[in-house]
Amino acid sequence: MGVRARRAFRDRPADEHSQPDLNPYVRLHREYQEIVPGDQAPSYRGRWSEVFGREAPLHLEIGTGNGSFLAAMAERHRDCSFLGVEIRFKRVVQGAKRILAADLSNARMVRYDAFFLADLFEPASLAAIYLNHPDPWPKGKHEKNRLISKSFLSWAADALVPGAALRLKTDAPHNIERLEESIVGLPFRVLGKSVDVRRDGAPWPDDIVTGYQAMFDRVGTPVLAMWIERC
C-alpha cells in the first residue's frame, strides 16, 4: 500500500489510556524532549526546523529499531538534522536514550505510522531517506503491509529534493526486487547495488553496520543494499 494519504494517523485511545501499566513505554515516551509524540507530529509539517532550532538538510530514517543507526549518522553528520520515525513505544524510547547519551541536538525520534508520512512532510523537504531491514511480509496475503511499493516510492519522489538519495538495506532479496520494480516510471536513477554487503561492501560511502546486519553477518546470511537518487 505504501504511504497512505488524506487520512491522518491517529493514536487509538487504547494506546495511551487503556491499561498503560502493561507497557511502561507508553507513558515514558512523553517524558523525553528527544521524542515528538504522534499527536503532535503533524503540526510540524513544513516546520521541522523548529524542532531542531535551526535550518539544515533533513534526513529521515523509517523504522529505527533501537536507534543505533540514527544516532551514529547524526554524530557523523552534525551539519544535518535526523528524524527517526518508529511506531513501537519501546523502540522510540530506546532511540531517544541513544540520542540523549550521545548529546545529539541534531537527532529526534517521532512516534508515527510509516504508512502516513504524507502527514509529516511537505514536497521537496527531505534530503535523504534510509530504510534498514524493513519487514518483508513475504506472503501474498500481507501485500497491504509492505512499505516498499509504487505508492511509497511516488511519495518519496515527491518528498525528496532533486539529488537526494534513498538507501535500502535488507536481508530479503524481494525487497530489492520490489524497489527496482516500484521506481519504474518515477524520477529515480540507481546509483549502486550490492547483493552481499559483508563481502562486497555497501554501494555508498560512510556505511554503518546496523544491529540487524551484524546479526545476519554472524550467521552468514547475505545483506543486500540498493542506493537510488531522486533525479
C-alpha atoms as a PDB file:
ATOM      1  CA  MET A   1       0.000   0.000   0.000  1.00  0.00           C
ATOM      2  CA  GLY A   2       2.902   2.364   0.587  1.00  0.00           C
ATOM      3  CA  VAL A   3       2.236   5.753   2.118  1.00  0.00           C
ATOM      4  CA  ARG A   4      -1.399   6.470   2.717  1.00  0.00           C
ATOM      5  CA  ALA A   5      -2.728   9.946   2.035  1.00  0.00           C
ATOM      6  CA  ARG A   6      -5.716  12.077   3.011  1.00  0.00           C
ATOM      7  CA  ARG A   7      -6.256  10.235   6.299  1.00  0.00           C
ATOM      8  CA  ALA A   8      -4.096  11.147   9.272  1.00  0.00           C
ATOM      9  CA  PHE A   9      -2.615   8.588  11.609  1.00  0.00           C
ATOM     10  CA  ARG A  10      -4.346   8.646  14.972  1.00  0.00           C
ATOM     11  CA  ASP A  11      -3.205   7.049  18.216  1.00  0.00           C
ATOM     12  CA  ARG A  12      -6.052   4.818  19.296  1.00  0.00           C
ATOM     13  CA  PRO A  13      -7.308   5.694  22.798  1.00  0.00           C
ATOM     14  CA  ALA A  14      -6.172   2.220  23.894  1.00  0.00           C
ATOM     15  CA  ASP A  15      -2.578   3.138  23.053  1.00  0.00           C
ATOM     16  CA  GLU A  16      -2.428   5.878  25.625  1.00  0.00           C
ATOM     17  CA  HIS A  17      -5.179   5.262  28.157  1.00  0.00           C
ATOM     18  CA  SER A  18      -6.115   1.584  28.393  1.00  0.00           C
ATOM     19  CA  GLN A  19      -4.058  -0.331  30.993  1.00  0.00           C
ATOM     20  CA  PRO A  20      -0.902   1.743  30.429  1.00  0.00           C
ATOM     21  CA  ASP A  21       0.950  -0.203  33.121  1.00  0.00           C
ATOM     22  CA  LEU A  22       1.109  -3.162  30.736  1.00  0.00           C
ATOM     23  CA  ASN A  23       3.536  -1.122  28.648  1.00  0.00           C
ATOM     24  CA  PRO A  24       5.516   1.404  30.696  1.00  0.00           C
ATOM     25  CA  TYR A  25       6.949   2.921  27.492  1.00  0.00           C
ATOM     26  CA  VAL A  26       3.528   4.334  26.614  1.00  0.00           C
ATOM     27  CA  ARG A  27       3.858   6.849  29.418  1.00  0.00           C
ATOM     28  CA  LEU A  28       7.633   7.087  29.281  1.00  0.00           C
ATOM     29  CA  HIS A  29       7.767   8.189  25.643  1.00  0.00           C
ATOM     30  CA  ARG A  30       6.159  11.511  26.577  1.00  0.00           C
ATOM     31  CA  GLU A  31       8.867  12.299  29.107  1.00  0.00           C
ATOM     32  CA  TYR A  32      11.682  12.777  26.596  1.00  0.00           C
ATOM     33  CA  GLN A  33      12.198  16.058  24.791  1.00  0.00           C
ATOM     34  CA  GLU A  34      14.007  13.976  22.139  1.00  0.00           C
ATOM     35  CA  ILE A  35      10.641  12.425  21.164  1.00  0.00           C
ATOM     36  CA  VAL A  36       7.835  14.049  19.183  1.00  0.00           C
ATOM     37  CA  PRO A  37       4.635  12.166  20.085  1.00  0.00           C
ATOM     38  CA  GLY A  38       2.229  11.119  17.357  1.00  0.00           C
ATOM     39  CA  ASP A  39      -0.474  13.613  18.278  1.00  0.00           C
ATOM     40  CA  GLN A  40       1.998  16.494  17.906  1.00  0.00           C
ATOM     41  CA  ALA A  41       3.988  15.397  14.869  1.00  0.00           C
ATOM     42  CA  PRO A  42       1.651  16.631  12.072  1.00  0.00           C
ATOM     43  CA  SER A  43       1.809  20.165  13.476  1.00  0.00           C
ATOM     44  CA  TYR A  44       5.490  20.288  12.445  1.00  0.00           C
ATOM     45  CA  ARG A  45       4.799  19.592   8.783  1.00  0.00           C
ATOM     46  CA  GLY A  46       6.749  22.245   6.909  1.00  0.00           C
ATOM     47  CA  ARG A  47       8.493  23.492  10.052  1.00  0.00           C
ATOM     48  CA  TRP A  48      10.692  20.706  11.390  1.00  0.00           C
ATOM     49  CA  SER A  49      13.468  23.264  11.703  1.00  0.00           C
ATOM     50  CA  GLU A  50      11.676  24.482  14.839  1.00  0.00           C
ATOM     51  CA  VAL A  51      12.253  21.097  16.489  1.00  0.00           C
ATOM     52  CA  PHE A  52      15.996  21.411  15.904  1.00  0.00           C
ATOM     53  CA  GLY A  53      16.261  25.161  16.383  1.00  0.00           C
ATOM     54  CA  ARG A  54      17.974  25.652  13.032  1.00  0.00           C
ATOM     55  CA  GLU A  55      17.688  25.219   9.274  1.00  0.00           C
ATOM     56  CA  ALA A  56      19.592  22.180   7.976  1.00  0.00           C
ATOM     57  CA  PRO A  57      19.143  19.355   5.444  1.00  0.00           C
ATOM     58  CA  LEU A  58      16.551  16.966   6.866  1.00  0.00           C
ATOM     59  CA  HIS A  59      17.262  13.213   6.804  1.00  0.00           C
ATOM     60  CA  LEU A  60      14.622  10.591   7.608  1.00  0.00           C
ATOM     61  CA  GLU A  61      15.059   7.027   8.843  1.00  0.00           C
ATOM     62  CA  ILE A  62      11.893   4.941   8.591  1.00  0.00           C
ATOM     63  CA  GLY A  63      11.805   2.194  11.207  1.00  0.00           C
ATOM     64  CA  THR A  64      14.672   2.917  13.581  1.00  0.00           C
ATOM     65  CA  GLY A  65      14.812  -0.221  15.680  1.00  0.00           C
ATOM     66  CA  ASN A  66      16.859   0.681  18.764  1.00  0.00           C
ATOM     67  CA  GLY A  67      18.096   3.909  17.197  1.00  0.00           C
ATOM     68  CA  SER A  68      21.757   2.934  16.787  1.00  0.00           C
ATOM     69  CA  PHE A  69      21.899   3.817  13.079  1.00  0.00           C
ATOM     70  CA  LEU A  70      20.129   7.151  13.560  1.00  0.00           C
ATOM     71  CA  ALA A  71      22.437   8.169  16.402  1.00  0.00           C
ATOM     72  CA  ALA A  72      25.566   7.120  14.507  1.00  0.00           C
ATOM     73  CA  MET A  73      24.560   9.044  11.390  1.00  0.00           C
ATOM     74  CA  ALA A  74      23.663  12.135  13.409  1.00  0.00           C
ATOM     75  CA  GLU A  75      27.026  12.001  15.163  1.00  0.00           C
ATOM     76  CA  ARG A  76      28.905  11.722  11.858  1.00  0.00           C
ATOM     77  CA  HIS A  77      26.900  14.418  10.086  1.00  0.00           C
ATOM     78  CA  ARG A  78      26.228  17.178  12.577  1.00  0.00           C
ATOM     79  CA  ASP A  79      25.525  19.643   9.778  1.00  0.00           C
ATOM     80  CA  CYS A  80      22.308  17.716   9.000  1.00  0.00           C
ATOM     81  CA  SER A  81      19.154  17.065  11.029  1.00  0.00           C
ATOM     82  CA  PHE A  82      17.925  13.483  11.515  1.00  0.00           C
ATOM     83  CA  LEU A  83      14.401  12.291  12.249  1.00  0.00           C
ATOM     84  CA  GLY A  84      13.658   8.670  13.100  1.00  0.00           C
ATOM     85  CA  VAL A  85      10.084   7.502  12.604  1.00  0.00           C
ATOM     86  CA  GLU A  86       9.090   4.441  14.620  1.00  0.00           C
ATOM     87  CA  ILE A  87       5.699   3.122  15.725  1.00  0.00           C
ATOM     88  CA  ARG A  88       6.676   0.999  18.726  1.00  0.00           C
ATOM     89  CA  PHE A  89       6.831   2.847  22.028  1.00  0.00           C
ATOM     90  CA  LYS A  90       9.822   0.903  23.380  1.00  0.00           C
ATOM     91  CA  ARG A  91      11.910   1.493  20.277  1.00  0.00           C
ATOM     92  CA  VAL A  92      11.073   5.186  20.287  1.00  0.00           C
ATOM     93  CA  VAL A  93      12.322   5.419  23.861  1.00  0.00           C
ATOM     94  CA  GLN A  94      15.442   3.371  23.055  1.00  0.00           C
ATOM     95  CA  GLY A  95      16.232   5.778  20.241  1.00  0.00           C
ATOM     96  CA  ALA A  96      15.696   8.779  22.488  1.00  0.00           C
ATOM     97  CA  LYS A  97      18.061   7.328  25.090  1.00  0.00           C
ATOM     98  CA  ARG A  98      20.787   6.892  22.476  1.00  0.00           C
ATOM     99  CA  ILE A  99      20.305  10.452  21.250  1.00  0.00           C
ATOM    100  CA  LEU A 100      20.464  11.758  24.812  1.00  0.00           C
ATOM    101  CA  ALA A 101      23.524   9.679  25.719  1.00  0.00           C
ATOM    102  CA  ALA A 102      25.412  11.000  22.683  1.00  0.00           C
ATOM    103  CA  ASP A 103      24.229  14.574  23.329  1.00  0.00           C
ATOM    104  CA  LEU A 104      22.888  14.918  19.794  1.00  0.00           C
ATOM    105  CA  SER A 105      20.945  18.122  19.247  1.00  0.00           C
ATOM    106  CA  ASN A 106      20.530  17.203  15.560  1.00  0.00           C
ATOM    107  CA  ALA A 107      18.520  13.983  16.059  1.00  0.00           C
ATOM    108  CA  ARG A 108      14.956  13.375  17.199  1.00  0.00           C
ATOM    109  CA  MET A 109      12.525  10.443  17.347  1.00  0.00           C
ATOM    110  CA  VAL A 110       8.949  10.642  16.090  1.00  0.00           C
ATOM    111  CA  ARG A 111       6.325   8.127  17.101  1.00  0.00           C
ATOM    112  CA  TYR A 112       4.279   7.706  13.948  1.00  0.00           C
ATOM    113  CA  ASP A 113       2.983   5.172  11.463  1.00  0.00           C
ATOM    114  CA  ALA A 114       5.219   4.919   8.383  1.00  0.00           C
ATOM    115  CA  PHE A 115       2.137   4.498   6.189  1.00  0.00           C
ATOM    116  CA  PHE A 116       1.083   8.079   6.943  1.00  0.00           C
ATOM    117  CA  LEU A 117       4.280  10.017   6.264  1.00  0.00           C
ATOM    118  CA  ALA A 118       2.446  12.425   3.975  1.00  0.00           C
ATOM    119  CA  ASP A 119       1.022  13.871   7.207  1.00  0.00           C
ATOM    120  CA  LEU A 120       4.504  14.952   8.259  1.00  0.00           C
ATOM    121  CA  PHE A 121       6.485  16.136   5.251  1.00  0.00           C
ATOM    122  CA  GLU A 122       5.900  18.687   2.529  1.00  0.00           C
ATOM    123  CA  PRO A 123       7.059  18.150  -1.064  1.00  0.00           C
ATOM    124  CA  ALA A 124      10.807  18.616  -1.606  1.00  0.00           C
ATOM    125  CA  SER A 125      11.518  18.735   2.125  1.00  0.00           C
ATOM    126  CA  LEU A 126      13.796  15.704   2.648  1.00  0.00           C
ATOM    127  CA  ALA A 127      17.497  15.414   1.835  1.00  0.00           C
ATOM    128  CA  ALA A 128      17.683  11.620   2.348  1.00  0.00           C
ATOM    129  CA  ILE A 129      15.614   8.571   3.305  1.00  0.00           C
ATOM    130  CA  TYR A 130      17.008   5.436   4.960  1.00  0.00           C
ATOM    131  CA  LEU A 131      15.325   2.029   5.141  1.00  0.00           C
ATOM    132  CA  ASN A 132      17.161  -0.600   7.163  1.00  0.00           C
ATOM    133  CA  HIS A 133      15.686  -4.108   7.089  1.00  0.00           C
ATOM    134  CA  PRO A 134      12.011  -3.219   6.600  1.00  0.00           C
ATOM    135  CA  ASP A 135       9.663  -6.119   7.312  1.00  0.00           C
ATOM    136  CA  PRO A 136       9.471  -8.113   4.055  1.00  0.00           C
ATOM    137  CA  TRP A 137       5.949  -9.511   4.614  1.00  0.00           C
ATOM    138  CA  PRO A 138       6.652 -12.348   2.136  1.00  0.00           C
ATOM    139  CA  LYS A 139       3.174 -13.875   1.928  1.00  0.00           C
ATOM    140  CA  GLY A 140       0.826 -12.586  -0.757  1.00  0.00           C
ATOM    141  CA  LYS A 141      -1.964 -12.026   1.763  1.00  0.00           C
ATOM    142  CA  HIS A 142       0.273  -9.488   3.509  1.00  0.00           C
ATOM    143  CA  GLU A 143       0.654  -7.254   0.451  1.00  0.00           C
ATOM    144  CA  LYS A 144      -1.107  -4.372   2.199  1.00  0.00           C
ATOM    145  CA  ASN A 145       1.520  -4.378   4.961  1.00  0.00           C
ATOM    146  CA  ARG A 146       4.547  -3.918   2.684  1.00  0.00           C
ATOM    147  CA  LEU A 147       6.041  -0.459   2.864  1.00  0.00           C
ATOM    148  CA  ILE A 148       8.077  -0.745  -0.341  1.00  0.00           C
ATOM    149  CA  SER A 149       5.567  -0.185  -3.115  1.00  0.00           C
ATOM    150  CA  LYS A 150       4.748   2.070  -6.039  1.00  0.00           C
ATOM    151  CA  SER A 151       2.745   4.426  -3.847  1.00  0.00           C
ATOM    152  CA  PHE A 152       5.552   4.687  -1.278  1.00  0.00           C
ATOM    153  CA  LEU A 153       8.130   5.468  -3.962  1.00  0.00           C
ATOM    154  CA  SER A 154       5.764   8.000  -5.528  1.00  0.00           C
ATOM    155  CA  TRP A 155       5.546   9.703  -2.158  1.00  0.00           C
ATOM    156  CA  ALA A 156       9.334   9.540  -1.757  1.00  0.00           C
ATOM    157  CA  ALA A 157       9.836  11.096  -5.195  1.00  0.00           C
ATOM    158  CA  ASP A 158       7.608  13.955  -4.087  1.00  0.00           C
ATOM    159  CA  ALA A 159       9.161  14.392  -0.641  1.00  0.00           C
ATOM    160  CA  LEU A 160      12.839  14.230  -1.666  1.00  0.00           C
ATOM    161  CA  VAL A 161      14.664  17.195  -3.149  1.00  0.00           C
ATOM    162  CA  PRO A 162      16.368  16.594  -6.522  1.00  0.00           C
ATOM    163  CA  GLY A 163      19.729  14.951  -5.928  1.00  0.00           C
ATOM    164  CA  ALA A 164      18.614  13.389  -2.642  1.00  0.00           C
ATOM    165  CA  ALA A 165      19.174   9.683  -2.051  1.00  0.00           C
ATOM    166  CA  LEU A 166      17.183   6.761  -0.715  1.00  0.00           C
ATOM    167  CA  ARG A 167      19.210   3.895   0.782  1.00  0.00           C
ATOM    168  CA  LEU A 168      17.835   0.415   1.429  1.00  0.00           C
ATOM    169  CA  LYS A 169      19.484  -2.411   3.362  1.00  0.00           C
ATOM    170  CA  THR A 170      17.669  -5.719   3.611  1.00  0.00           C
ATOM    171  CA  ASP A 171      18.092  -9.415   4.241  1.00  0.00           C
ATOM    172  CA  ALA A 172      15.136 -10.125   1.916  1.00  0.00           C
ATOM    173  CA  PRO A 173      16.066 -10.177  -1.818  1.00  0.00           C
ATOM    174  CA  HIS A 174      12.488  -9.493  -2.860  1.00  0.00           C
ATOM    175  CA  ASN A 175      12.662  -6.106  -1.083  1.00  0.00           C
ATOM    176  CA  ILE A 176      15.339  -5.143  -3.610  1.00  0.00           C
ATOM    177  CA  GLU A 177      13.218  -6.526  -6.437  1.00  0.00           C
ATOM    178  CA  ARG A 178      10.199  -4.556  -5.239  1.00  0.00           C
ATOM    179  CA  LEU A 179      12.252  -1.360  -5.066  1.00  0.00           C
ATOM    180  CA  GLU A 180      13.546  -1.865  -8.606  1.00  0.00           C
ATOM    181  CA  GLU A 181      10.030  -2.507  -9.887  1.00  0.00           C
ATOM    182  CA  SER A 182       8.483   0.384  -7.979  1.00  0.00           C
ATOM    183  CA  ILE A 183      10.802   3.104  -9.323  1.00  0.00           C
ATOM    184  CA  VAL A 184       9.983   2.352 -12.961  1.00  0.00           C
ATOM    185  CA  GLY A 185       8.441   5.497 -14.428  1.00  0.00           C
ATOM    186  CA  LEU A 186       9.406   7.611 -11.415  1.00  0.00           C
ATOM    187  CA  PRO A 187      12.181  10.248 -11.297  1.00  0.00           C
ATOM    188  CA  PHE A 188      14.828   7.996  -9.767  1.00  0.00           C
ATOM    189  CA  ARG A 189      18.081   6.565 -11.002  1.00  0.00           C
ATOM    190  CA  VAL A 190      20.098   3.724  -9.496  1.00  0.00           C
ATOM    191  CA  LEU A 191      23.455   4.794  -8.067  1.00  0.00           C
ATOM    192  CA  GLY A 192      24.571   1.415  -6.795  1.00  0.00           C
ATOM    193  CA  LYS A 193      23.587  -2.045  -5.647  1.00  0.00           C
ATOM    194  CA  SER A 194      25.144  -4.863  -3.624  1.00  0.00           C
ATOM    195  CA  VAL A 195      23.944  -8.450  -3.214  1.00  0.00           C
ATOM    196  CA  ASP A 196      26.271  -9.058  -0.260  1.00  0.00           C
ATOM    197  CA  VAL A 197      27.353  -6.023   1.736  1.00  0.00           C
ATOM    198  CA  ARG A 198      29.669  -8.002   4.029  1.00  0.00           C
ATOM    199  CA  ARG A 199      31.554  -9.435   1.045  1.00  0.00           C
ATOM    200  CA  ASP A 200      31.441  -6.541  -1.426  1.00  0.00           C
ATOM    201  CA  GLY A 201      30.789  -3.505   0.739  1.00  0.00           C
ATOM    202  CA  ALA A 202      27.872  -1.082   0.620  1.00  0.00           C
ATOM    203  CA  PRO A 203      27.243   0.848  -2.608  1.00  0.00           C
ATOM    204  CA  TRP A 204      27.540   4.156  -0.745  1.00  0.00           C
ATOM    205  CA  PRO A 205      30.276   5.840   1.322  1.00  0.00           C
ATOM    206  CA  ASP A 206      30.178   6.289   5.123  1.00  0.00           C
ATOM    207  CA  ASP A 207      28.398   2.970   5.685  1.00  0.00           C
ATOM    208  CA  ILE A 208      27.228   1.983   9.165  1.00  0.00           C
ATOM    209  CA  VAL A 209      26.753  -1.648  10.187  1.00  0.00           C
ATOM    210  CA  THR A 210      23.298  -1.895  11.746  1.00  0.00           C
ATOM    211  CA  GLY A 211      22.407  -4.290  14.538  1.00  0.00           C
ATOM    212  CA  TYR A 212      20.377  -6.423  12.143  1.00  0.00           C
ATOM    213  CA  GLN A 213      23.239  -6.520   9.665  1.00  0.00           C
ATOM    214  CA  ALA A 214      25.659  -7.665  12.350  1.00  0.00           C
ATOM    215  CA  MET A 215      23.248 -10.421  13.348  1.00  0.00           C
ATOM    216  CA  PHE A 216      22.932 -11.670   9.768  1.00  0.00           C
ATOM    217  CA  ASP A 217      26.702 -11.404   9.279  1.00  0.00           C
ATOM    218  CA  ARG A 218      27.231 -13.753  12.232  1.00  0.00           C
ATOM    219  CA  VAL A 219      25.055 -16.475  10.707  1.00  0.00           C
ATOM    220  CA  GLY A 220      26.288 -15.913   7.151  1.00  0.00           C
ATOM    221  CA  THR A 221      23.054 -14.546   5.677  1.00  0.00           C
ATOM    222  CA  PRO A 222      23.818 -12.005   2.917  1.00  0.00           C
ATOM    223  CA  VAL A 223      22.579  -8.466   3.415  1.00  0.00           C
ATOM    224  CA  LEU A 224      21.652  -6.653   0.218  1.00  0.00           C
ATOM    225  CA  ALA A 225      21.668  -2.919  -0.440  1.00  0.00           C
ATOM    226  CA  MET A 226      20.397  -0.521  -3.070  1.00  0.00           C
ATOM    227  CA  TRP A 227      21.099   3.202  -3.495  1.00  0.00           C
ATOM    228  CA  ILE A 228      18.829   5.376  -5.627  1.00  0.00           C
ATOM    229  CA  GLU A 229      18.787   9.107  -6.304  1.00  0.00           C
ATOM    230  CA  ARG A 230      15.927  11.500  -6.929  1.00  0.00           C
ATOM    231  CA  CYS A 231      16.588  12.984 -10.381  1.00  0.00           C
END
